[in-house]
Amino acid sequence: MSMTENSKTRVRVLSLRLFSSSVVQVLMFLVFGCSGPTLGGQTIGIKLVNGRTGRPIANTCVNVWVGHERKDAMAIPTDKNCIAWLRLTDKDDGININNRWKGCGEFGVIDPVVKYDYSLRINAGYALCQVHGSDYSWLAITDFSMKQAVQQGIVTTNTCGKATASPKPGEVTIFVRPLTWWEKMKQ
């Protein structure tokens, strides 16, 4: 059974439509699928690493301020992987800092969702492994760029030992060390 010229034309048109439809689907996937999650799906993980040993510090709370308007810190506990998580949103109605957890004190919160801002300030109950002056206090608050944290990741310097880390998008790694007896007494 041979195909007529009319049948051959229909098959070519159908093949061309299927091909162009597939090309459009692939292009849509590349444009929308590879552009990454929306801001609502972004997270920032904050990891405290002992600068002497290179081990993450477990069972601790990290004080976090997003932007400069908020007076009180959110005290976020680290999870089983020693990371304190902060989820970001670009919508006012998506903010949620009401999952209180007293394990980190009065301002303790689990799984906070905050509005994206340019500034991310962090403090933890450890001495920072960074170069600092004689007026340094372990209570100092370190200011980071939220944009850099989300896009590239941040790793602080380590003057306490030889441990290193590589920046990963969505992660802030801060090298710290436990406070000495004298540092605890001074503050």
Protein backbone atom coordinates (compact mmCIF):
# COMPACT_ATOMS: atom_id res chain seq x y z
CA MET A 1 0.00 0.00 0.00
CA SER A 2 1.66 3.16 -1.22
CA MET A 3 1.18 6.62 0.27
CA THR A 4 -0.36 9.27 -1.86
CA GLU A 5 1.29 12.66 -2.24
CA ASN A 6 -1.45 14.18 -0.05
CA SER A 7 -0.73 11.67 2.75
CA LYS A 8 2.99 12.37 2.58
CA THR A 9 2.34 16.11 2.95
CA ARG A 10 0.15 15.51 6.02
CA VAL A 11 2.87 13.37 7.63
CA ARG A 12 5.47 16.10 6.99
CA VAL A 13 3.23 18.82 8.47
CA LEU A 14 2.47 16.68 11.51
CA SER A 15 6.18 15.87 11.98
CA LEU A 16 7.07 19.56 11.69
CA ARG A 17 4.41 20.50 14.29
CA LEU A 18 5.63 17.82 16.71
CA PHE A 19 9.23 18.95 16.23
CA SER A 20 8.43 22.64 16.75
CA SER A 21 6.26 21.81 19.77
CA SER A 22 9.16 19.83 21.28
CA VAL A 23 11.58 22.68 20.60
CA VAL A 24 9.23 25.14 22.30
CA GLN A 25 8.89 22.85 25.32
CA VAL A 26 12.66 22.45 25.62
CA LEU A 27 13.18 26.22 25.34
CA MET A 28 10.51 26.88 27.98
CA PHE A 29 12.20 24.40 30.30
CA LEU A 30 15.57 26.05 29.77
CA VAL A 31 14.22 29.56 30.36
CA PHE A 32 11.93 28.83 33.30
CA GLY A 33 13.32 25.63 34.74
CA CYS A 34 16.96 26.67 34.91
CA SER A 35 16.35 30.15 36.25
CA GLY A 36 16.25 28.67 39.77
CA PRO A 37 13.65 28.89 42.47
CA THR A 38 11.85 32.11 43.24
CA LEU A 39 12.92 34.13 46.25
CA GLY A 40 10.18 32.44 48.27
CA GLY A 41 12.11 29.18 47.93
CA GLN A 42 15.49 30.61 48.96
CA THR A 43 17.13 29.64 52.23
CA ILE A 44 20.26 30.70 54.01
CA GLY A 45 22.06 28.22 56.22
CA ILE A 46 24.32 29.60 58.92
CA LYS A 47 27.05 27.26 60.09
CA LEU A 48 29.42 27.91 62.98
CA VAL A 49 32.70 26.02 62.57
CA ASN A 50 35.35 25.62 65.25
CA GLY A 51 38.35 27.33 63.68
CA ARG A 52 40.80 25.13 65.58
CA THR A 53 39.31 21.71 64.83
CA GLY A 54 37.33 22.40 61.65
CA ARG A 55 34.25 20.72 63.13
CA PRO A 56 30.80 22.32 62.98
CA ILE A 57 29.50 23.44 66.35
CA ALA A 58 26.38 21.53 67.39
CA ASN A 59 23.55 22.35 69.78
CA THR A 60 23.88 26.10 69.71
CA CYS A 61 21.80 29.13 68.83
CA VAL A 62 22.71 31.84 66.32
CA ASN A 63 21.43 35.39 66.79
CA VAL A 64 20.24 36.85 63.48
CA TRP A 65 18.95 40.25 62.42
CA VAL A 66 17.62 40.82 58.92
CA GLY A 67 17.86 44.45 57.85
CA HIS A 68 18.44 47.32 60.26
CA GLU A 69 14.86 47.95 61.38
CA ARG A 70 14.49 44.99 63.72
CA LYS A 71 15.79 45.72 67.23
CA ASP A 72 15.59 42.20 68.70
CA ALA A 73 17.52 39.28 67.26
CA MET A 74 15.97 36.00 66.28
CA ALA A 75 17.81 33.23 68.08
CA ILE A 76 17.78 30.31 65.64
CA PRO A 77 18.85 26.84 66.82
CA THR A 78 21.13 24.67 64.74
CA ASP A 79 19.68 21.44 63.35
CA LYS A 80 21.16 17.91 63.40
CA ASN A 81 23.60 19.03 60.67
CA CYS A 82 24.75 21.98 62.82
CA ILE A 83 23.07 24.56 60.55
CA ALA A 84 20.68 27.35 61.56
CA TRP A 85 18.19 27.87 58.72
CA LEU A 86 16.56 31.10 57.62
CA ARG A 87 13.96 31.06 54.82
CA LEU A 88 13.42 34.13 52.65
CA THR A 89 10.32 35.59 51.06
CA ASP A 90 9.61 38.69 49.02
CA LYS A 91 6.00 39.00 50.26
CA ASP A 92 4.90 40.69 53.47
CA ASP A 93 2.20 38.07 54.07
CA GLY A 94 4.77 35.27 53.81
CA ILE A 95 6.72 36.36 56.90
CA ASN A 96 6.54 33.94 59.84
CA ILE A 97 8.65 34.29 62.97
CA ASN A 98 6.04 32.89 65.34
CA ASN A 99 7.38 29.33 65.75
CA ARG A 100 8.82 30.13 69.17
CA TRP A 101 11.32 27.82 70.83
CA LYS A 102 12.42 28.55 74.37
CA GLY A 103 15.59 26.45 73.97
CA CYS A 104 17.23 29.59 72.58
CA GLY A 105 15.71 31.96 75.12
CA GLU A 106 12.99 34.56 74.84
CA PHE A 107 13.68 35.30 71.18
CA GLY A 108 14.19 31.71 70.06
CA VAL A 109 12.43 30.79 66.82
CA ILE A 110 12.43 27.64 64.68
CA ASP A 111 12.20 27.78 60.89
CA PRO A 112 11.77 31.56 60.56
CA VAL A 113 10.56 33.05 57.27
CA VAL A 114 11.72 36.64 56.83
CA LYS A 115 11.45 39.25 54.12
CA TYR A 116 14.54 39.59 51.95
CA ASP A 117 16.71 42.58 52.85
CA TYR A 118 20.19 43.71 51.89
CA SER A 119 21.70 43.21 55.31
CA LEU A 120 22.12 40.05 57.36
CA ARG A 121 23.67 40.54 60.79
CA ILE A 122 24.86 37.61 62.88
CA ASN A 123 26.17 37.08 66.41
CA ALA A 124 26.93 33.85 68.26
CA GLY A 125 28.21 33.10 71.75
CA TYR A 126 31.73 32.41 70.51
CA ALA A 127 34.84 34.42 69.69
CA LEU A 128 35.22 35.13 65.98
CA CYS A 129 38.36 33.78 64.30
CA GLN A 130 39.02 37.04 62.49
CA VAL A 131 41.54 39.84 62.75
CA HIS A 132 40.23 42.43 65.20
CA GLY A 133 41.48 45.32 67.29
CA SER A 134 42.11 45.56 71.02
CA ASP A 135 38.59 46.90 71.63
CA TYR A 136 37.08 43.72 70.20
CA SER A 137 34.16 42.14 72.01
CA TRP A 138 32.84 38.64 71.34
CA LEU A 139 29.41 40.25 71.55
CA ALA A 140 30.13 42.07 68.26
CA ILE A 141 27.59 41.73 65.48
CA THR A 142 28.95 40.86 62.05
CA ASP A 143 27.22 42.40 59.02
CA PHE A 144 26.94 40.37 55.79
CA SER A 145 25.41 40.99 52.39
CA MET A 146 22.29 38.84 52.02
CA LYS A 147 22.63 38.98 48.24
CA GLN A 148 26.16 37.59 48.42
CA ALA A 149 25.07 34.91 50.90
CA VAL A 150 22.27 33.75 48.60
CA GLN A 151 24.14 33.93 45.30
CA GLN A 152 27.73 32.97 46.19
CA GLY A 153 27.90 31.97 49.83
CA ILE A 154 30.16 33.49 52.48
CA VAL A 155 33.07 32.02 54.44
CA THR A 156 34.80 34.18 57.05
CA THR A 157 38.54 34.16 57.60
CA ASN A 158 40.04 31.76 60.11
CA THR A 159 42.83 33.10 62.32
CA CYS A 160 42.34 30.34 64.93
CA GLY A 161 43.73 27.39 62.99
CA LYS A 162 44.17 25.78 59.61
CA ALA A 163 40.57 24.74 58.95
CA THR A 164 39.16 26.01 55.67
CA ALA A 165 35.86 25.93 53.82
CA SER A 166 34.63 26.86 50.36
CA PRO A 167 31.70 29.22 49.87
CA LYS A 168 28.44 27.62 48.73
CA PRO A 169 25.40 29.56 47.51
CA GLY A 170 22.90 29.96 50.33
CA GLU A 171 25.39 29.25 53.11
CA VAL A 172 27.24 31.46 55.58
CA THR A 173 30.16 29.71 57.31
CA ILE A 174 31.61 31.53 60.30
CA PHE A 175 34.83 30.35 61.93
CA VAL A 176 34.67 30.73 65.71
CA ARG A 177 36.29 29.34 68.84
CA PRO A 178 35.02 28.78 72.36
CA LEU A 179 35.49 31.69 74.75
CA THR A 180 38.38 31.59 77.18
CA TRP A 181 37.67 31.86 80.90
CA TRP A 182 38.99 35.43 80.86
CA GLU A 183 36.76 36.43 77.91
CA LYS A 184 33.72 35.09 79.73
CA MET A 185 34.63 37.08 82.83
CA LYS A 186 35.31 40.33 80.92
CA GLN A 187 31.87 40.55 79.38
